[in-house]
Amino acid sequence: MSQESLSTNRLSSTITIGGDLTVNRIGYGAMQLTGPNVWGEYPDRTGGLAFLKEVVAAGVNFIDTADTYGPFTNEQLIHDALYPYPQGFVVATKGGFVRGGPRYEDLDAVGNRMYLRQAAFTSARRLGIKQIDLYYLHTPQAKDVPFEDQIRTLKELQDEGVIKHIGLSNITAEQLHVAQTIVDVVAVTAHYNIGVRVSAPLLKAAKESGIVFSPWHPAALPKGDSAPCFHAVLDPIAEKHGVSLPQLALAWQLHRYENMLPIPGTTSLDHLKENLAAAAISLTQDEVDTITHVVPEE
């Protein structure tokens, strides 16, 4: 499907991951359902359990998490709220980071075979499933093992049935190409939004391969000195469509690529519903291009 057809006709309401996992166009990033600095339990456990049920009731059938969120508490909260999972519901999780304490600086990458195997098996156990639908290598930055060996470990886990589909997080386009020589990669997730385009080459590579691109912080808006320049472009378009700027940011993401799967996070039901409503916004190709060109992309 071309970008032009996406902009002039109603956007497809679903995408398919790996040929067999069909999910709605906007997922949910669960990272905020943890303690401060993504450390420890979500302070309002009862509220967190209820909120996850509302996420599913609102129509979300793809949730993104990771073993390092908490660590471990986010996966357990998802299980406790939603297991047994509804038919067609997909939980994507990640492994490869370790958390040595409550500070962000205590985060490090480990890629050796036994650690990645333990991470995948224990994620599956916390989620209450025998096979993880989509499992991401959380980072390619591990220094203990070459990147290619980490990918081979994921393939081993896939061959054993622990992982159904393999994804990669926070990688470069070049690393995607390397991984694709070893295993089928069905999805990538990266920091990408209106103001942050460092992953534009990865988006281009995902398009060329026809795989899912799942941006995190997808609706974030620029702040600081650059904000007025963005507002000059975004405000008139948002006003024309009667939508908020975060909604416009999400709609722009969906119009960029037919296999785009943004995963905005929130702990507010009103904010969640506002995010999901962005899937119904139809932009023209000129509007998409105008927003895109605020920040040059390769």
Protein backbone atom coordinates (compact mmCIF):
# COMPACT_ATOMS: atom_id res chain seq x y z
CA MET A 1 0.00 0.00 0.00
CA SER A 2 1.44 3.38 -0.96
CA GLN A 3 1.70 6.40 1.31
CA GLU A 4 -0.65 8.20 -1.07
CA SER A 5 -3.39 5.60 -0.66
CA LEU A 6 -2.92 5.68 3.11
CA SER A 7 -3.45 9.44 3.13
CA THR A 8 -6.42 9.67 0.80
CA ASN A 9 -8.38 6.64 2.03
CA ARG A 10 -9.28 5.37 5.48
CA LEU A 11 -6.28 3.84 7.20
CA SER A 12 -6.30 0.09 7.65
CA SER A 13 -7.61 -0.70 11.13
CA THR A 14 -5.12 -3.52 11.74
CA ILE A 15 -1.64 -4.71 10.87
CA THR A 16 -0.21 -8.22 10.83
CA ILE A 17 3.03 -9.16 12.56
CA GLY A 18 5.00 -12.08 11.18
CA GLY A 19 2.18 -13.18 8.91
CA ASP A 20 -0.13 -14.43 11.67
CA LEU A 21 -0.50 -11.93 14.53
CA THR A 22 -3.17 -9.40 13.56
CA VAL A 23 -3.47 -6.45 15.94
CA ASN A 24 -5.00 -2.99 15.98
CA ARG A 25 -2.92 -0.09 14.64
CA ILE A 26 -2.20 1.51 18.02
CA GLY A 27 -0.82 -0.59 20.87
CA TYR A 28 0.00 0.22 24.47
CA GLY A 29 3.43 0.68 26.03
CA ALA A 30 3.18 -0.51 29.64
CA MET A 31 6.46 0.88 31.00
CA GLN A 32 4.77 3.60 33.07
CA LEU A 33 3.04 0.97 35.19
CA THR A 34 6.10 0.71 37.42
CA GLY A 35 7.61 2.72 40.26
CA PRO A 36 9.78 5.86 39.96
CA ASN A 37 12.57 5.57 37.38
CA VAL A 38 10.88 2.39 36.10
CA TRP A 39 11.95 0.69 39.35
CA GLY A 40 9.74 -1.42 41.58
CA GLU A 41 6.02 -2.01 41.76
CA TYR A 42 3.47 0.43 40.38
CA PRO A 43 2.44 2.33 43.54
CA ASP A 44 -1.29 1.73 43.04
CA ARG A 45 -1.36 -1.98 42.29
CA THR A 46 -5.16 -2.23 42.47
CA GLY A 47 -5.48 0.78 40.16
CA GLY A 48 -2.88 -0.67 37.80
CA LEU A 49 -4.73 -3.97 37.52
CA ALA A 50 -8.00 -2.14 36.83
CA PHE A 51 -6.35 0.14 34.28
CA LEU A 52 -4.93 -2.77 32.28
CA LYS A 53 -8.42 -4.26 32.08
CA GLU A 54 -9.66 -0.89 30.77
CA VAL A 55 -6.86 -0.87 28.18
CA VAL A 56 -8.16 -4.13 26.74
CA ALA A 57 -11.80 -3.03 27.03
CA ALA A 58 -10.93 0.09 25.02
CA GLY A 59 -9.79 -2.10 22.11
CA VAL A 60 -6.06 -2.53 22.61
CA ASN A 61 -4.85 -6.02 21.71
CA PHE A 62 -1.08 -5.40 21.64
CA ILE A 63 0.87 -4.57 24.80
CA ASP A 64 4.61 -3.90 24.89
CA THR A 65 6.62 -4.63 28.03
CA ALA A 66 10.10 -5.84 29.08
CA ASP A 67 11.68 -7.84 31.86
CA THR A 68 13.68 -4.81 32.98
CA TYR A 69 10.52 -2.77 33.69
CA GLY A 70 10.48 -3.02 37.47
CA PRO A 71 12.44 -5.20 36.87
CA PHE A 72 9.96 -8.05 36.40
CA THR A 73 7.02 -6.30 38.06
CA ASN A 74 5.50 -5.01 34.82
CA GLU A 75 5.23 -8.44 33.24
CA GLN A 76 3.76 -9.84 36.46
CA LEU A 77 1.19 -7.02 36.66
CA ILE A 78 0.10 -7.69 33.07
CA HIS A 79 -0.34 -11.38 33.88
CA ASP A 80 -2.25 -10.72 37.08
CA ALA A 81 -4.59 -8.28 35.34
CA LEU A 82 -5.25 -10.05 32.08
CA TYR A 83 -4.51 -13.78 32.30
CA PRO A 84 -6.04 -15.79 30.71
CA TYR A 85 -5.52 -13.45 27.78
CA PRO A 86 -8.33 -12.75 25.30
CA GLN A 87 -8.28 -14.51 21.95
CA GLY A 88 -5.90 -12.73 19.60
CA PHE A 89 -4.23 -10.71 22.34
CA VAL A 90 -0.46 -10.20 21.91
CA VAL A 91 2.08 -9.37 24.60
CA ALA A 92 5.50 -8.39 23.26
CA THR A 93 8.37 -8.42 25.74
CA LYS A 94 12.13 -7.89 25.66
CA GLY A 95 15.34 -9.17 27.21
CA GLY A 96 19.00 -8.20 27.26
CA PHE A 97 19.20 -5.44 29.87
CA VAL A 98 19.96 -5.96 33.56
CA ARG A 99 19.06 -3.51 36.30
CA GLY A 100 21.52 -3.23 39.17
CA GLY A 101 19.59 -0.71 41.24
CA PRO A 102 16.98 2.06 41.25
CA ARG A 103 18.94 4.60 39.20
CA TYR A 104 18.84 4.72 35.41
CA GLU A 105 22.63 4.58 35.54
CA ASP A 106 22.32 1.08 37.01
CA LEU A 107 21.11 -0.28 33.66
CA ASP A 108 23.53 -2.41 31.65
CA ALA A 109 23.39 -4.82 28.70
CA VAL A 110 24.16 -8.53 28.86
CA GLY A 111 24.04 -10.74 25.79
CA ASN A 112 25.53 -14.10 26.65
CA ARG A 113 23.61 -17.18 25.66
CA MET A 114 22.64 -18.41 29.11
CA TYR A 115 21.48 -15.01 30.28
CA LEU A 116 19.28 -14.44 27.22
CA ARG A 117 17.84 -17.93 27.55
CA GLN A 118 17.05 -17.32 31.22
CA ALA A 119 15.49 -13.96 30.36
CA ALA A 120 13.16 -15.46 27.75
CA PHE A 121 12.14 -18.46 29.83
CA THR A 122 11.44 -16.39 32.94
CA SER A 123 9.48 -13.77 30.96
CA ALA A 124 7.30 -16.55 29.60
CA ARG A 125 6.81 -17.90 33.12
CA ARG A 126 5.85 -14.51 34.56
CA LEU A 127 3.42 -13.92 31.69
CA GLY A 128 1.94 -17.39 32.20
CA ILE A 129 2.54 -18.56 28.63
CA LYS A 130 4.50 -21.36 27.00
CA GLN A 131 5.48 -19.32 23.96
CA ILE A 132 6.14 -15.58 23.65
CA ASP A 133 4.42 -14.20 20.56
CA LEU A 134 6.99 -11.46 19.93
CA TYR A 135 10.31 -11.27 21.76
CA TYR A 136 12.73 -8.39 21.24
CA LEU A 137 16.43 -8.24 21.92
CA HIS A 138 16.19 -5.11 24.06
CA THR A 139 19.56 -3.66 23.04
CA PRO A 140 22.50 -4.50 20.77
CA GLN A 141 24.93 -2.80 23.18
CA ALA A 142 26.12 -5.86 25.14
CA LYS A 143 29.91 -6.08 25.18
CA ASP A 144 30.22 -9.64 26.48
CA VAL A 145 29.03 -11.37 23.29
CA PRO A 146 29.05 -10.36 19.61
CA PHE A 147 25.73 -9.11 18.26
CA GLU A 148 25.52 -12.02 15.83
CA ASP A 149 25.78 -14.53 18.69
CA GLN A 150 22.91 -12.86 20.50
CA ILE A 151 20.76 -13.23 17.40
CA ARG A 152 21.73 -16.89 17.16
CA THR A 153 20.56 -17.38 20.74
CA LEU A 154 17.17 -15.90 19.85
CA LYS A 155 16.98 -18.23 16.85
CA GLU A 156 17.77 -21.15 19.14
CA LEU A 157 14.93 -20.11 21.44
CA GLN A 158 12.64 -19.80 18.43
CA ASP A 159 13.60 -23.26 17.18
CA GLU A 160 12.78 -24.63 20.64
CA GLY A 161 9.36 -22.96 20.60
CA VAL A 162 9.98 -20.52 23.45
CA ILE A 163 9.70 -17.57 21.03
CA LYS A 164 7.27 -17.42 18.13
CA HIS A 165 8.55 -14.28 16.41
CA ILE A 166 11.76 -12.29 16.86
CA GLY A 167 12.06 -8.52 17.06
CA LEU A 168 14.93 -6.10 17.69
CA SER A 169 14.97 -2.96 19.81
CA ASN A 170 17.11 0.18 19.55
CA ILE A 171 19.24 -1.10 16.69
CA THR A 172 20.67 0.51 13.56
CA ALA A 173 19.65 -0.24 10.00
CA GLU A 174 22.98 -1.99 9.50
CA GLN A 175 22.38 -4.25 12.51
CA LEU A 176 18.95 -5.14 11.15
CA HIS A 177 20.54 -6.23 7.88
CA VAL A 178 23.09 -8.37 9.78
CA ALA A 179 20.39 -10.01 11.89
CA GLN A 180 18.29 -10.76 8.81
CA THR A 181 21.10 -12.95 7.46
CA ILE A 182 20.68 -15.18 10.54
CA VAL A 183 16.96 -15.18 11.33
CA ASP A 184 13.63 -13.75 10.21
CA VAL A 185 13.07 -10.44 12.02
CA VAL A 186 9.41 -9.43 11.98
CA ALA A 187 9.49 -6.18 13.97
CA VAL A 188 11.75 -3.42 15.23
CA THR A 189 11.07 -0.88 17.96
CA ALA A 190 12.91 2.42 18.35
CA HIS A 191 12.68 6.02 19.55
CA TYR A 192 10.98 7.90 16.72
CA ASN A 193 8.51 10.78 16.67
CA ILE A 194 7.90 14.21 15.17
CA GLY A 195 10.90 15.76 16.90
CA VAL A 196 13.25 12.76 17.20
CA ARG A 197 14.27 11.20 13.88
CA VAL A 198 17.51 9.41 14.74
CA SER A 199 15.85 6.13 13.76
CA ALA A 200 14.76 7.33 10.32
CA PRO A 201 17.29 5.02 8.58
CA LEU A 202 15.88 2.08 10.55
CA LEU A 203 12.35 3.05 9.49
CA LYS A 204 13.53 3.10 5.88
CA ALA A 205 15.09 -0.35 6.28
CA ALA A 206 11.90 -1.69 7.90
CA LYS A 207 9.86 -0.38 4.97
CA GLU A 208 12.20 -2.03 2.50
CA SER A 209 11.79 -5.35 4.33
CA GLY A 210 8.05 -4.93 4.91
CA ILE A 211 8.38 -5.56 8.66
CA VAL A 212 6.66 -3.82 11.56
CA PHE A 213 8.15 -0.58 12.89
CA SER A 214 6.97 0.15 16.45
CA PRO A 215 7.98 3.64 17.65
CA TRP A 216 8.17 4.31 21.38
CA HIS A 217 7.40 7.78 22.76
CA PRO A 218 5.50 8.14 19.46
CA ALA A 219 3.37 11.13 20.43
CA ALA A 220 6.05 13.17 22.22
CA LEU A 221 6.31 16.78 21.12
CA PRO A 222 9.44 18.93 20.87
CA LYS A 223 10.24 21.21 23.79
CA GLY A 224 12.62 24.08 24.31
CA ASP A 225 14.01 26.37 21.64
CA SER A 226 12.79 24.26 18.72
CA ALA A 227 9.16 24.10 19.90
CA PRO A 228 7.92 27.35 18.24
CA CYS A 229 9.09 26.16 14.83
CA PHE A 230 7.18 22.90 15.25
CA HIS A 231 4.06 24.61 16.53
CA ALA A 232 4.02 26.89 13.51
CA VAL A 233 3.63 23.79 11.35
CA LEU A 234 1.53 21.55 13.61
CA ASP A 235 -0.98 23.95 15.14
CA PRO A 236 -2.84 24.87 11.91
CA ILE A 237 -3.14 21.20 10.88
CA ALA A 238 -4.38 20.15 14.31
CA GLU A 239 -6.89 23.02 14.36
CA LYS A 240 -8.17 22.08 10.89
CA HIS A 241 -8.89 18.51 12.02
CA GLY A 242 -10.08 19.46 15.51
CA VAL A 243 -7.55 17.24 17.25
CA SER A 244 -4.86 17.63 19.89
CA LEU A 245 -1.18 17.83 18.97
CA PRO A 246 -0.39 14.37 20.46
CA GLN A 247 -3.25 12.93 18.41
CA LEU A 248 -1.85 14.59 15.31
CA ALA A 249 1.58 13.18 16.12
CA LEU A 250 0.14 9.67 16.30
CA ALA A 251 -1.88 10.10 13.12
CA TRP A 252 1.26 11.26 11.32
CA GLN A 253 3.04 8.10 12.48
CA LEU A 254 0.27 5.89 11.09
CA HIS A 255 0.36 7.70 7.74
CA ARG A 256 4.11 7.24 7.38
CA TYR A 257 3.98 3.48 6.90
CA GLU A 258 1.28 0.84 6.65
CA ASN A 259 3.14 -1.42 9.13
CA MET A 260 3.62 1.28 11.77
CA LEU A 261 2.61 0.17 15.27
CA PRO A 262 3.01 3.03 17.77
CA ILE A 263 2.94 2.09 21.45
CA PRO A 264 2.07 5.23 23.44
CA GLY A 265 2.12 4.81 27.20
CA THR A 266 -0.15 6.40 29.78
CA THR A 267 -1.78 5.72 33.14
CA SER A 268 -4.84 7.86 32.32
CA LEU A 269 -7.94 6.30 30.78
CA ASP A 270 -8.92 9.60 29.12
CA HIS A 271 -5.44 9.90 27.62
CA LEU A 272 -5.61 6.29 26.43
CA LYS A 273 -8.91 6.90 24.64
CA GLU A 274 -7.53 10.08 23.09
CA ASN A 275 -4.54 8.13 21.78
CA LEU A 276 -6.72 5.42 20.27
CA ALA A 277 -8.96 8.00 18.60
CA ALA A 278 -5.95 9.14 16.56
CA ALA A 279 -6.37 6.06 14.37
CA ALA A 280 -9.47 7.64 12.82
CA ILE A 281 -7.72 10.87 11.74
CA SER A 282 -7.25 11.06 7.97
CA LEU A 283 -4.46 13.35 6.80
CA THR A 284 -3.72 14.42 3.25
CA GLN A 285 -0.38 13.56 1.70
CA ASP A 286 0.53 17.26 1.72
CA GLU A 287 -0.11 17.43 5.46
CA VAL A 288 1.97 14.33 6.09
CA ASP A 289 4.81 15.69 3.98
CA THR A 290 4.65 19.10 5.67
CA ILE A 291 5.02 17.51 9.10
CA THR A 292 7.72 15.14 7.93
CA HIS A 293 9.84 17.89 6.44
CA VAL A 294 10.02 19.90 9.67
CA VAL A 295 12.98 17.65 10.45
CA PRO A 296 15.11 16.47 7.49
CA GLU A 297 15.31 12.70 7.09
CA GLU A 298 17.79 10.73 5.05
